[in-house]
Amino acid sequence: MREADLTNAQWRKSSYSSGDGGENCVEVAAGLPGLVPVRDSKNSGGPVLVVGARAWAGFIGALRN
């Protein structure tokens, strides 16, 4: 798998995050076709997990169910 360039990534939290800074949240970044970068909102400089877009869609669908 290629390394994703996240230099200009636009990170966002879930709309379900609490308004107090989202103590237990993840952030995702858009703009990388076929990939979804995911990181811990409490550690924005920490590691990033890059997931395939199809796998991410399946994960989100399972959460909704």
N, C-alpha and C. Protein backbone atom coordinates (compact mmCIF):
# COMPACT_ATOMS: atom_id res chain seq x y z
N MET A 1 0.85 -1.18 0.00
CA MET A 1 0.00 0.00 0.00
C MET A 1 0.89 1.23 0.00
N ARG A 2 0.50 2.24 -0.74
CA ARG A 2 1.27 3.47 -0.80
C ARG A 2 1.08 4.30 0.46
N GLU A 3 2.05 5.14 0.76
CA GLU A 3 1.95 6.02 1.92
C GLU A 3 1.11 7.23 1.54
N ALA A 4 0.14 7.56 2.38
CA ALA A 4 -0.75 8.69 2.11
C ALA A 4 -0.11 9.99 2.55
N ASP A 5 -0.16 11.02 1.72
CA ASP A 5 0.34 12.35 2.08
C ASP A 5 -0.78 13.09 2.80
N LEU A 6 -0.62 13.28 4.09
CA LEU A 6 -1.66 13.92 4.91
C LEU A 6 -1.29 15.34 5.29
N THR A 7 -0.32 15.92 4.60
CA THR A 7 0.15 17.26 4.92
C THR A 7 -0.97 18.29 4.95
N ASN A 8 -1.85 18.25 3.99
CA ASN A 8 -2.94 19.23 3.90
C ASN A 8 -4.31 18.63 4.21
N ALA A 9 -4.30 17.55 4.96
CA ALA A 9 -5.57 16.86 5.26
C ALA A 9 -6.51 17.77 6.05
N GLN A 10 -7.77 17.72 5.71
CA GLN A 10 -8.82 18.44 6.42
C GLN A 10 -9.53 17.44 7.33
N TRP A 11 -9.19 17.47 8.61
CA TRP A 11 -9.73 16.50 9.57
C TRP A 11 -11.07 16.97 10.09
N ARG A 12 -11.97 16.03 10.36
CA ARG A 12 -13.27 16.37 10.94
C ARG A 12 -13.68 15.28 11.93
N LYS A 13 -14.43 15.72 12.92
CA LYS A 13 -14.97 14.79 13.92
C LYS A 13 -16.40 14.43 13.54
N SER A 14 -16.87 13.37 14.11
CA SER A 14 -18.25 12.95 13.91
C SER A 14 -19.21 14.00 14.44
N SER A 15 -20.36 14.10 13.82
CA SER A 15 -21.39 15.01 14.31
C SER A 15 -21.94 14.52 15.65
N TYR A 16 -21.62 13.30 16.03
CA TYR A 16 -22.05 12.74 17.31
C TYR A 16 -21.07 13.06 18.44
N SER A 17 -19.95 13.72 18.12
CA SER A 17 -18.98 14.08 19.15
C SER A 17 -19.59 15.08 20.11
N SER A 18 -19.17 15.00 21.34
CA SER A 18 -19.67 15.96 22.33
C SER A 18 -19.08 17.34 22.06
N GLY A 19 -19.75 18.36 22.54
CA GLY A 19 -19.33 19.74 22.34
C GLY A 19 -18.17 20.15 23.21
N ASP A 20 -17.74 19.30 24.13
CA ASP A 20 -16.66 19.66 25.04
C ASP A 20 -15.28 19.26 24.52
N GLY A 21 -15.14 19.11 23.26
CA GLY A 21 -13.86 18.73 22.68
C GLY A 21 -13.79 17.28 22.27
N GLY A 22 -14.84 16.54 22.52
CA GLY A 22 -14.89 15.16 22.08
C GLY A 22 -13.86 14.28 22.74
N GLU A 23 -14.06 13.99 23.99
CA GLU A 23 -13.11 13.22 24.78
C GLU A 23 -12.77 11.86 24.18
N ASN A 24 -13.71 11.18 23.60
CA ASN A 24 -13.47 9.84 23.06
C ASN A 24 -13.83 9.79 21.59
N CYS A 25 -13.18 10.62 20.80
CA CYS A 25 -13.55 10.72 19.39
C CYS A 25 -12.42 10.34 18.46
N VAL A 26 -12.80 9.99 17.28
CA VAL A 26 -11.84 9.83 16.20
C VAL A 26 -12.14 10.91 15.17
N GLU A 27 -11.15 11.22 14.38
CA GLU A 27 -11.31 12.17 13.29
C GLU A 27 -10.97 11.43 12.00
N VAL A 28 -11.62 11.85 10.93
CA VAL A 28 -11.33 11.30 9.61
C VAL A 28 -10.99 12.45 8.67
N ALA A 29 -10.25 12.14 7.64
CA ALA A 29 -9.89 13.13 6.64
C ALA A 29 -10.42 12.69 5.29
N ALA A 30 -10.83 13.66 4.50
CA ALA A 30 -11.33 13.40 3.15
C ALA A 30 -10.28 13.83 2.13
N GLY A 31 -10.54 13.50 0.88
CA GLY A 31 -9.70 13.98 -0.20
C GLY A 31 -8.66 13.00 -0.70
N LEU A 32 -8.67 11.78 -0.18
CA LEU A 32 -7.76 10.75 -0.66
C LEU A 32 -8.60 9.65 -1.30
N PRO A 33 -8.74 9.66 -2.61
CA PRO A 33 -9.60 8.69 -3.28
C PRO A 33 -9.29 7.25 -2.88
N GLY A 34 -10.33 6.57 -2.42
CA GLY A 34 -10.21 5.17 -2.05
C GLY A 34 -9.67 4.91 -0.66
N LEU A 35 -9.30 5.97 0.08
CA LEU A 35 -8.72 5.83 1.40
C LEU A 35 -9.43 6.71 2.42
N VAL A 36 -9.45 6.27 3.67
CA VAL A 36 -10.00 7.07 4.76
C VAL A 36 -8.99 7.06 5.91
N PRO A 37 -8.26 8.17 6.08
CA PRO A 37 -7.35 8.28 7.22
C PRO A 37 -8.15 8.52 8.51
N VAL A 38 -7.76 7.85 9.59
CA VAL A 38 -8.46 7.94 10.87
C VAL A 38 -7.41 8.19 11.95
N ARG A 39 -7.71 9.11 12.87
CA ARG A 39 -6.80 9.38 13.98
C ARG A 39 -7.57 9.68 15.25
N ASP A 40 -6.88 9.59 16.37
CA ASP A 40 -7.42 9.90 17.68
C ASP A 40 -7.46 11.41 17.84
N SER A 41 -8.61 11.97 18.15
CA SER A 41 -8.74 13.42 18.27
C SER A 41 -7.93 13.99 19.42
N LYS A 42 -7.62 13.17 20.42
CA LYS A 42 -6.84 13.63 21.56
C LYS A 42 -5.34 13.66 21.26
N ASN A 43 -4.93 13.04 20.17
CA ASN A 43 -3.52 12.94 19.82
C ASN A 43 -3.35 13.22 18.33
N SER A 44 -3.58 14.46 17.95
CA SER A 44 -3.59 14.81 16.53
C SER A 44 -2.23 14.63 15.86
N GLY A 45 -1.16 14.60 16.64
CA GLY A 45 0.15 14.38 16.06
C GLY A 45 0.58 12.93 16.11
N GLY A 46 -0.30 12.08 16.60
CA GLY A 46 0.02 10.66 16.75
C GLY A 46 -0.18 9.88 15.48
N PRO A 47 -0.21 8.57 15.62
CA PRO A 47 -0.33 7.71 14.43
C PRO A 47 -1.69 7.84 13.75
N VAL A 48 -1.69 7.55 12.48
CA VAL A 48 -2.90 7.59 11.65
C VAL A 48 -3.10 6.20 11.06
N LEU A 49 -4.32 5.72 11.15
CA LEU A 49 -4.70 4.46 10.52
C LEU A 49 -5.36 4.80 9.20
N VAL A 50 -4.87 4.25 8.12
CA VAL A 50 -5.45 4.51 6.80
C VAL A 50 -6.20 3.25 6.37
N VAL A 51 -7.51 3.41 6.17
CA VAL A 51 -8.41 2.30 5.87
C VAL A 51 -8.93 2.47 4.45
N GLY A 52 -9.12 1.38 3.77
CA GLY A 52 -9.74 1.43 2.45
C GLY A 52 -11.17 1.96 2.56
N ALA A 53 -11.58 2.73 1.57
CA ALA A 53 -12.91 3.37 1.61
C ALA A 53 -14.04 2.33 1.69
N ARG A 54 -13.91 1.21 1.00
CA ARG A 54 -14.96 0.18 1.05
C ARG A 54 -15.05 -0.44 2.44
N ALA A 55 -13.90 -0.69 3.05
CA ALA A 55 -13.88 -1.25 4.40
C ALA A 55 -14.48 -0.25 5.39
N TRP A 56 -14.16 1.02 5.22
CA TRP A 56 -14.71 2.06 6.11
C TRP A 56 -16.22 2.14 5.96
N ALA A 57 -16.72 2.09 4.74
CA ALA A 57 -18.16 2.14 4.51
C ALA A 57 -18.85 0.96 5.18
N GLY A 58 -18.24 -0.22 5.10
CA GLY A 58 -18.80 -1.40 5.77
C GLY A 58 -18.80 -1.24 7.27
N PHE A 59 -17.76 -0.68 7.82
CA PHE A 59 -17.65 -0.43 9.25
C PHE A 59 -18.74 0.54 9.72
N ILE A 60 -18.90 1.65 9.01
CA ILE A 60 -19.91 2.64 9.36
C ILE A 60 -21.31 2.04 9.21
N GLY A 61 -21.53 1.25 8.18
CA GLY A 61 -22.84 0.60 8.01
C GLY A 61 -23.14 -0.33 9.15
N ALA A 62 -22.16 -1.07 9.63
CA ALA A 62 -22.37 -1.97 10.76
C ALA A 62 -22.68 -1.19 12.03
N LEU A 63 -22.04 -0.04 12.22
CA LEU A 63 -22.33 0.79 13.39
C LEU A 63 -23.76 1.31 13.37
N ARG A 64 -24.21 1.67 12.19
CA ARG A 64 -25.58 2.21 12.06
C ARG A 64 -26.64 1.15 12.38
N ASN A 65 -26.32 -0.11 12.08
CA ASN A 65 -27.25 -1.20 12.34
C ASN A 65 -27.18 -1.56 13.79
